[in-house]
Amino acid sequence: FRTLPRYCRQLVDWGSSNIIAAVIRSIIT
């Protein structure tokens, strides 16, 4: 999981279908 600068925050989200999306390196997992 890549931690970007402080002002880039939306790198992970939990959707209503109970699927978690996250930016892992150059891949959306």
PDB file of all heavy atoms in Angstrom:
ATOM      1  N   PHE A   1       0.848  -1.190   0.000  1.00  0.00           N
ATOM      2  CA  PHE A   1       0.000   0.000   0.000  1.00  0.00           C
ATOM      3  C   PHE A   1       0.882   1.238   0.000  1.00  0.00           C
ATOM      4  O   PHE A   1       1.758   1.402   0.846  1.00  0.00           O
ATOM      5  CB  PHE A   1      -0.909   0.024   1.235  1.00  0.00           C
ATOM      6  CG  PHE A   1      -1.920   1.147   1.220  1.00  0.00           C
ATOM      7  CD1 PHE A   1      -3.184   0.932   0.705  1.00  0.00           C
ATOM      8  CD2 PHE A   1      -1.607   2.398   1.714  1.00  0.00           C
ATOM      9  CE1 PHE A   1      -4.128   1.957   0.690  1.00  0.00           C
ATOM     10  CE2 PHE A   1      -2.534   3.436   1.706  1.00  0.00           C
ATOM     11  CZ  PHE A   1      -3.804   3.212   1.190  1.00  0.00           C
ATOM     12  N   ARG A   2       0.645   2.103  -0.963  1.00  0.00           N
ATOM     13  CA  ARG A   2       1.514   3.258  -1.172  1.00  0.00           C
ATOM     14  C   ARG A   2       0.937   4.468  -0.451  1.00  0.00           C
ATOM     15  O   ARG A   2      -0.178   4.906  -0.725  1.00  0.00           O
ATOM     16  CB  ARG A   2       1.651   3.552  -2.654  1.00  0.00           C
ATOM     17  CG  ARG A   2       2.592   4.714  -2.983  1.00  0.00           C
ATOM     18  CD  ARG A   2       2.826   4.788  -4.471  1.00  0.00           C
ATOM     19  NE  ARG A   2       1.581   4.763  -5.213  1.00  0.00           N
ATOM     20  CZ  ARG A   2       1.333   5.546  -6.272  1.00  0.00           C
ATOM     21  NH1 ARG A   2       2.245   6.388  -6.691  1.00  0.00           N
ATOM     22  NH2 ARG A   2       0.196   5.467  -6.910  1.00  0.00           N
ATOM     23  N   THR A   3       1.684   5.005   0.494  1.00  0.00           N
ATOM     24  CA  THR A   3       1.275   6.197   1.204  1.00  0.00           C
ATOM     25  C   THR A   3       1.747   7.426   0.431  1.00  0.00           C
ATOM     26  O   THR A   3       2.937   7.694   0.332  1.00  0.00           O
ATOM     27  CB  THR A   3       1.851   6.229   2.632  1.00  0.00           C
ATOM     28  OG1 THR A   3       1.408   5.057   3.326  1.00  0.00           O
ATOM     29  CG2 THR A   3       1.375   7.460   3.375  1.00  0.00           C
ATOM     30  N   LEU A   4       0.791   8.155  -0.126  1.00  0.00           N
ATOM     31  CA  LEU A   4       1.098   9.360  -0.890  1.00  0.00           C
ATOM     32  C   LEU A   4       1.198  10.549   0.057  1.00  0.00           C
ATOM     33  O   LEU A   4       0.961  10.427   1.259  1.00  0.00           O
ATOM     34  CB  LEU A   4       0.020   9.586  -1.941  1.00  0.00           C
ATOM     35  CG  LEU A   4      -0.008   8.572  -3.083  1.00  0.00           C
ATOM     36  CD1 LEU A   4      -1.156   8.857  -4.020  1.00  0.00           C
ATOM     37  CD2 LEU A   4       1.299   8.554  -3.840  1.00  0.00           C
ATOM     38  N   PRO A   5       1.552  11.739  -0.448  1.00  0.00           N
ATOM     39  CA  PRO A   5       1.636  12.919   0.418  1.00  0.00           C
ATOM     40  C   PRO A   5       0.349  13.160   1.201  1.00  0.00           C
ATOM     41  O   PRO A   5      -0.724  12.670   0.845  1.00  0.00           O
ATOM     42  CB  PRO A   5       1.905  14.057  -0.574  1.00  0.00           C
ATOM     43  CG  PRO A   5       2.595  13.393  -1.715  1.00  0.00           C
ATOM     44  CD  PRO A   5       1.988  12.029  -1.821  1.00  0.00           C
ATOM     45  N   ARG A   6       0.470  13.968   2.252  1.00  0.00           N
ATOM     46  CA  ARG A   6      -0.613  14.153   3.221  1.00  0.00           C
ATOM     47  C   ARG A   6      -1.929  14.548   2.580  1.00  0.00           C
ATOM     48  O   ARG A   6      -2.995  14.162   3.039  1.00  0.00           O
ATOM     49  CB  ARG A   6      -0.182  15.223   4.238  1.00  0.00           C
ATOM     50  CG  ARG A   6      -1.195  15.494   5.320  1.00  0.00           C
ATOM     51  CD  ARG A   6      -0.648  16.410   6.386  1.00  0.00           C
ATOM     52  NE  ARG A   6      -1.645  16.674   7.387  1.00  0.00           N
ATOM     53  CZ  ARG A   6      -2.483  17.705   7.327  1.00  0.00           C
ATOM     54  NH1 ARG A   6      -2.412  18.557   6.327  1.00  0.00           N
ATOM     55  NH2 ARG A   6      -3.386  17.900   8.276  1.00  0.00           N
ATOM     56  N   TYR A   7      -1.895  15.321   1.511  1.00  0.00           N
ATOM     57  CA  TYR A   7      -3.117  15.830   0.923  1.00  0.00           C
ATOM     58  C   TYR A   7      -3.705  14.905  -0.147  1.00  0.00           C
ATOM     59  O   TYR A   7      -4.644  15.271  -0.824  1.00  0.00           O
ATOM     60  CB  TYR A   7      -2.880  17.225   0.337  1.00  0.00           C
ATOM     61  CG  TYR A   7      -2.549  18.249   1.404  1.00  0.00           C
ATOM     62  CD1 TYR A   7      -1.537  19.181   1.206  1.00  0.00           C
ATOM     63  CD2 TYR A   7      -3.244  18.287   2.608  1.00  0.00           C
ATOM     64  CE1 TYR A   7      -1.236  20.129   2.184  1.00  0.00           C
ATOM     65  CE2 TYR A   7      -2.955  19.218   3.589  1.00  0.00           C
ATOM     66  CZ  TYR A   7      -1.946  20.140   3.368  1.00  0.00           C
ATOM     67  OH  TYR A   7      -1.652  21.070   4.339  1.00  0.00           O
ATOM     68  N   CYS A   8      -3.162  13.705  -0.313  1.00  0.00           N
ATOM     69  CA  CYS A   8      -3.758  12.683  -1.179  1.00  0.00           C
ATOM     70  C   CYS A   8      -4.305  11.583  -0.283  1.00  0.00           C
ATOM     71  O   CYS A   8      -3.547  10.757   0.223  1.00  0.00           O
ATOM     72  CB  CYS A   8      -2.724  12.127  -2.160  1.00  0.00           C
ATOM     73  SG  CYS A   8      -2.131  13.318  -3.370  1.00  0.00           S
ATOM     74  N   ARG A   9      -5.618  11.544  -0.115  1.00  0.00           N
ATOM     75  CA  ARG A   9      -6.188  10.724   0.950  1.00  0.00           C
ATOM     76  C   ARG A   9      -7.076   9.587   0.464  1.00  0.00           C
ATOM     77  O   ARG A   9      -7.230   8.590   1.152  1.00  0.00           O
ATOM     78  CB  ARG A   9      -7.016  11.598   1.905  1.00  0.00           C
ATOM     79  CG  ARG A   9      -6.151  12.607   2.641  1.00  0.00           C
ATOM     80  CD  ARG A   9      -6.992  13.550   3.474  1.00  0.00           C
ATOM     81  NE  ARG A   9      -6.119  14.253   4.393  1.00  0.00           N
ATOM     82  CZ  ARG A   9      -5.773  13.816   5.580  1.00  0.00           C
ATOM     83  NH1 ARG A   9      -6.240  12.675   5.999  1.00  0.00           N
ATOM     84  NH2 ARG A   9      -4.965  14.489   6.354  1.00  0.00           N
ATOM     85  N   GLN A  10      -7.719   9.729  -0.674  1.00  0.00           N
ATOM     86  CA  GLN A  10      -8.726   8.752  -1.081  1.00  0.00           C
ATOM     87  C   GLN A  10      -8.078   7.578  -1.810  1.00  0.00           C
ATOM     88  O   GLN A  10      -8.244   7.394  -3.005  1.00  0.00           O
ATOM     89  CB  GLN A  10      -9.791   9.418  -1.955  1.00  0.00           C
ATOM     90  CG  GLN A  10     -10.673  10.389  -1.185  1.00  0.00           C
ATOM     91  CD  GLN A  10     -11.839  10.884  -2.020  1.00  0.00           C
ATOM     92  OE1 GLN A  10     -11.738  11.061  -3.224  1.00  0.00           O
ATOM     93  NE2 GLN A  10     -12.967  11.118  -1.381  1.00  0.00           N
ATOM     94  N   LEU A  11      -7.342   6.778  -1.071  1.00  0.00           N
ATOM     95  CA  LEU A  11      -6.652   5.629  -1.643  1.00  0.00           C
ATOM     96  C   LEU A  11      -7.307   4.312  -1.260  1.00  0.00           C
ATOM     97  O   LEU A  11      -6.875   3.247  -1.709  1.00  0.00           O
ATOM     98  CB  LEU A  11      -5.183   5.621  -1.199  1.00  0.00           C
ATOM     99  CG  LEU A  11      -4.352   6.831  -1.619  1.00  0.00           C
ATOM    100  CD1 LEU A  11      -2.955   6.743  -1.036  1.00  0.00           C
ATOM    101  CD2 LEU A  11      -4.290   6.949  -3.124  1.00  0.00           C
ATOM    102  N   VAL A  12      -8.348   4.345  -0.427  1.00  0.00           N
ATOM    103  CA  VAL A  12      -9.077   3.143  -0.039  1.00  0.00           C
ATOM    104  C   VAL A  12     -10.522   3.543   0.216  1.00  0.00           C
ATOM    105  O   VAL A  12     -10.797   4.628   0.743  1.00  0.00           O
ATOM    106  CB  VAL A  12      -8.439   2.483   1.210  1.00  0.00           C
ATOM    107  CG1 VAL A  12      -8.407   3.432   2.397  1.00  0.00           C
ATOM    108  CG2 VAL A  12      -9.160   1.185   1.574  1.00  0.00           C
ATOM    109  N   ASP A  13     -11.465   2.673  -0.195  1.00  0.00           N
ATOM    110  CA  ASP A  13     -12.888   2.967   0.010  1.00  0.00           C
ATOM    111  C   ASP A  13     -13.648   1.660   0.162  1.00  0.00           C
ATOM    112  O   ASP A  13     -13.300   0.651  -0.454  1.00  0.00           O
ATOM    113  CB  ASP A  13     -13.430   3.780  -1.170  1.00  0.00           C
ATOM    114  CG  ASP A  13     -14.779   4.412  -0.867  1.00  0.00           C
ATOM    115  OD1 ASP A  13     -15.070   4.647   0.329  1.00  0.00           O
ATOM    116  OD2 ASP A  13     -15.547   4.686  -1.813  1.00  0.00           O
ATOM    117  N   TRP A  14     -14.692   1.698   1.004  1.00  0.00           N
ATOM    118  CA  TRP A  14     -15.519   0.523   1.297  1.00  0.00           C
ATOM    119  C   TRP A  14     -16.887   0.753   0.673  1.00  0.00           C
ATOM    120  O   TRP A  14     -17.657   1.587   1.120  1.00  0.00           O
ATOM    121  CB  TRP A  14     -15.625   0.352   2.809  1.00  0.00           C
ATOM    122  CG  TRP A  14     -16.048  -1.018   3.258  1.00  0.00           C
ATOM    123  CD1 TRP A  14     -16.829  -1.900   2.582  1.00  0.00           C
ATOM    124  CD2 TRP A  14     -15.717  -1.657   4.494  1.00  0.00           C
ATOM    125  NE1 TRP A  14     -17.008  -3.049   3.305  1.00  0.00           N
ATOM    126  CE2 TRP A  14     -16.334  -2.930   4.487  1.00  0.00           C
ATOM    127  CE3 TRP A  14     -14.966  -1.275   5.600  1.00  0.00           C
ATOM    128  CZ2 TRP A  14     -16.222  -3.816   5.565  1.00  0.00           C
ATOM    129  CZ3 TRP A  14     -14.849  -2.157   6.667  1.00  0.00           C
ATOM    130  CH2 TRP A  14     -15.470  -3.414   6.654  1.00  0.00           C
ATOM    131  N   GLY A  15     -17.208   0.009  -0.384  1.00  0.00           N
ATOM    132  CA  GLY A  15     -18.444   0.227  -1.124  1.00  0.00           C
ATOM    133  C   GLY A  15     -19.650  -0.422  -0.483  1.00  0.00           C
ATOM    134  O   GLY A  15     -19.540  -1.296   0.385  1.00  0.00           O
ATOM    135  N   SER A  16     -20.840  -0.002  -0.940  1.00  0.00           N
ATOM    136  CA  SER A  16     -22.095  -0.499  -0.371  1.00  0.00           C
ATOM    137  C   SER A  16     -22.333  -1.972  -0.684  1.00  0.00           C
ATOM    138  O   SER A  16     -23.153  -2.623  -0.028  1.00  0.00           O
ATOM    139  CB  SER A  16     -23.271   0.334  -0.882  1.00  0.00           C
ATOM    140  OG  SER A  16     -23.366   0.248  -2.292  1.00  0.00           O
ATOM    141  N   SER A  17     -21.658  -2.512  -1.691  1.00  0.00           N
ATOM    142  CA  SER A  17     -21.760  -3.943  -1.986  1.00  0.00           C
ATOM    143  C   SER A  17     -20.792  -4.760  -1.144  1.00  0.00           C
ATOM    144  O   SER A  17     -20.604  -5.958  -1.389  1.00  0.00           O
ATOM    145  CB  SER A  17     -21.501  -4.194  -3.471  1.00  0.00           C
ATOM    146  OG  SER A  17     -20.218  -3.702  -3.846  1.00  0.00           O
ATOM    147  N   ASN A  18     -20.174  -4.111  -0.149  1.00  0.00           N
ATOM    148  CA  ASN A  18     -19.250  -4.759   0.787  1.00  0.00           C
ATOM    149  C   ASN A  18     -17.952  -5.193   0.116  1.00  0.00           C
ATOM    150  O   ASN A  18     -17.354  -6.205   0.485  1.00  0.00           O
ATOM    151  CB  ASN A  18     -19.905  -5.946   1.489  1.00  0.00           C
ATOM    152  CG  ASN A  18     -19.802  -5.815   3.002  1.00  0.00           C
ATOM    153  OD1 ASN A  18     -19.040  -4.999   3.515  1.00  0.00           O
ATOM    154  ND2 ASN A  18     -20.566  -6.621   3.720  1.00  0.00           N
ATOM    155  N   ILE A  19     -17.525  -4.407  -0.878  1.00  0.00           N
ATOM    156  CA  ILE A  19     -16.246  -4.633  -1.541  1.00  0.00           C
ATOM    157  C   ILE A  19     -15.325  -3.462  -1.199  1.00  0.00           C
ATOM    158  O   ILE A  19     -15.709  -2.300  -1.321  1.00  0.00           O
ATOM    159  CB  ILE A  19     -16.396  -4.735  -3.072  1.00  0.00           C
ATOM    160  CG1 ILE A  19     -17.420  -5.815  -3.425  1.00  0.00           C
ATOM    161  CG2 ILE A  19     -15.057  -5.030  -3.717  1.00  0.00           C
ATOM    162  CD1 ILE A  19     -17.043  -7.209  -2.992  1.00  0.00           C
ATOM    163  N   ILE A  20     -14.121  -3.773  -0.753  1.00  0.00           N
ATOM    164  CA  ILE A  20     -13.122  -2.752  -0.423  1.00  0.00           C
ATOM    165  C   ILE A  20     -12.185  -2.593  -1.610  1.00  0.00           C
ATOM    166  O   ILE A  20     -11.646  -3.580  -2.123  1.00  0.00           O
ATOM    167  CB  ILE A  20     -12.329  -3.142   0.836  1.00  0.00           C
ATOM    168  CG1 ILE A  20     -13.259  -3.260   2.050  1.00  0.00           C
ATOM    169  CG2 ILE A  20     -11.224  -2.123   1.120  1.00  0.00           C
ATOM    170  CD1 ILE A  20     -12.602  -3.849   3.277  1.00  0.00           C
ATOM    171  N   ALA A  21     -12.024  -1.355  -2.061  1.00  0.00           N
ATOM    172  CA  ALA A  21     -11.087  -1.056  -3.151  1.00  0.00           C
ATOM    173  C   ALA A  21      -9.918  -0.273  -2.581  1.00  0.00           C
ATOM    174  O   ALA A  21     -10.096   0.628  -1.766  1.00  0.00           O
ATOM    175  CB  ALA A  21     -11.775  -0.251  -4.251  1.00  0.00           C
ATOM    176  N   ALA A  22      -8.701  -0.611  -3.011  1.00  0.00           N
ATOM    177  CA  ALA A  22      -7.516   0.058  -2.488  1.00  0.00           C
ATOM    178  C   ALA A  22      -6.460   0.167  -3.583  1.00  0.00           C
ATOM    179  O   ALA A  22      -6.360  -0.697  -4.463  1.00  0.00           O
ATOM    180  CB  ALA A  22      -6.939  -0.702  -1.297  1.00  0.00           C
ATOM    181  N   VAL A  23      -5.671   1.244  -3.515  1.00  0.00           N
ATOM    182  CA  VAL A  23      -4.563   1.440  -4.444  1.00  0.00           C
ATOM    183  C   VAL A  23      -3.340   0.727  -3.875  1.00  0.00           C
ATOM    184  O   VAL A  23      -2.797   1.127  -2.839  1.00  0.00           O
ATOM    185  CB  VAL A  23      -4.257   2.939  -4.649  1.00  0.00           C
ATOM    186  CG1 VAL A  23      -3.057   3.107  -5.574  1.00  0.00           C
ATOM    187  CG2 VAL A  23      -5.471   3.654  -5.203  1.00  0.00           C
ATOM    188  N   ILE A  24      -2.914  -0.346  -4.523  1.00  0.00           N
ATOM    189  CA  ILE A  24      -1.740  -1.117  -4.111  1.00  0.00           C
ATOM    190  C   ILE A  24      -0.704  -1.001  -5.217  1.00  0.00           C
ATOM    191  O   ILE A  24      -0.856  -1.584  -6.289  1.00  0.00           O
ATOM    192  CB  ILE A  24      -2.075  -2.599  -3.855  1.00  0.00           C
ATOM    193  CG1 ILE A  24      -3.264  -2.727  -2.901  1.00  0.00           C
ATOM    194  CG2 ILE A  24      -0.863  -3.326  -3.327  1.00  0.00           C
ATOM    195  CD1 ILE A  24      -3.004  -2.224  -1.510  1.00  0.00           C
ATOM    196  N   ARG A  25       0.330  -0.209  -4.966  1.00  0.00           N
ATOM    197  CA  ARG A  25       1.327   0.125  -5.989  1.00  0.00           C
ATOM    198  C   ARG A  25       0.604   0.710  -7.202  1.00  0.00           C
ATOM    199  O   ARG A  25      -0.052   1.723  -7.101  1.00  0.00           O
ATOM    200  CB  ARG A  25       2.169  -1.098  -6.329  1.00  0.00           C
ATOM    201  CG  ARG A  25       2.996  -1.636  -5.155  1.00  0.00           C
ATOM    202  CD  ARG A  25       3.969  -2.707  -5.609  1.00  0.00           C
ATOM    203  NE  ARG A  25       4.776  -3.198  -4.500  1.00  0.00           N
ATOM    204  CZ  ARG A  25       4.453  -4.255  -3.766  1.00  0.00           C
ATOM    205  NH1 ARG A  25       3.372  -4.942  -4.048  1.00  0.00           N
ATOM    206  NH2 ARG A  25       5.209  -4.650  -2.752  1.00  0.00           N
ATOM    207  N   SER A  26       0.729   0.096  -8.367  1.00  0.00           N
ATOM    208  CA  SER A  26       0.054   0.600  -9.568  1.00  0.00           C
ATOM    209  C   SER A  26      -1.162  -0.250  -9.916  1.00  0.00           C
ATOM    210  O   SER A  26      -1.575  -0.337 -11.085  1.00  0.00           O
ATOM    211  CB  SER A  26       1.032   0.628 -10.752  1.00  0.00           C
ATOM    212  OG  SER A  26       2.052   1.576 -10.524  1.00  0.00           O
ATOM    213  N   ILE A  27      -1.745  -0.866  -8.921  1.00  0.00           N
ATOM    214  CA  ILE A  27      -2.871  -1.775  -9.141  1.00  0.00           C
ATOM    215  C   ILE A  27      -4.017  -1.402  -8.199  1.00  0.00           C
ATOM    216  O   ILE A  27      -3.798  -1.081  -7.035  1.00  0.00           O
ATOM    217  CB  ILE A  27      -2.453  -3.242  -8.906  1.00  0.00           C
ATOM    218  CG1 ILE A  27      -1.411  -3.672  -9.941  1.00  0.00           C
ATOM    219  CG2 ILE A  27      -3.644  -4.183  -8.945  1.00  0.00           C
ATOM    220  CD1 ILE A  27      -0.830  -5.045  -9.687  1.00  0.00           C
ATOM    221  N   ILE A  28      -5.260  -1.428  -8.720  1.00  0.00           N
ATOM    222  CA  ILE A  28      -6.441  -1.293  -7.873  1.00  0.00           C
ATOM    223  C   ILE A  28      -6.858  -2.694  -7.458  1.00  0.00           C
ATOM    224  O   ILE A  28      -7.204  -3.531  -8.309  1.00  0.00           O
ATOM    225  CB  ILE A  28      -7.589  -0.584  -8.608  1.00  0.00           C
ATOM    226  CG1 ILE A  28      -7.098   0.724  -9.244  1.00  0.00           C
ATOM    227  CG2 ILE A  28      -8.744  -0.321  -7.652  1.00  0.00           C
ATOM    228  CD1 ILE A  28      -6.527   1.721  -8.258  1.00  0.00           C
ATOM    229  N   THR A  29      -6.809  -2.970  -6.178  1.00  0.00           N
ATOM    230  CA  THR A  29      -7.132  -4.299  -5.663  1.00  0.00           C
ATOM    231  C   THR A  29      -8.490  -4.255  -4.978  1.00  0.00           C
ATOM    232  O   THR A  29      -8.780  -3.333  -4.215  1.00  0.00           O
ATOM    233  CB  THR A  29      -6.058  -4.766  -4.666  1.00  0.00           C
ATOM    234  OG1 THR A  29      -4.777  -4.736  -5.305  1.00  0.00           O
ATOM    235  CG2 THR A  29      -6.346  -6.177  -4.188  1.00  0.00           C
TER     236      THR A  29
END
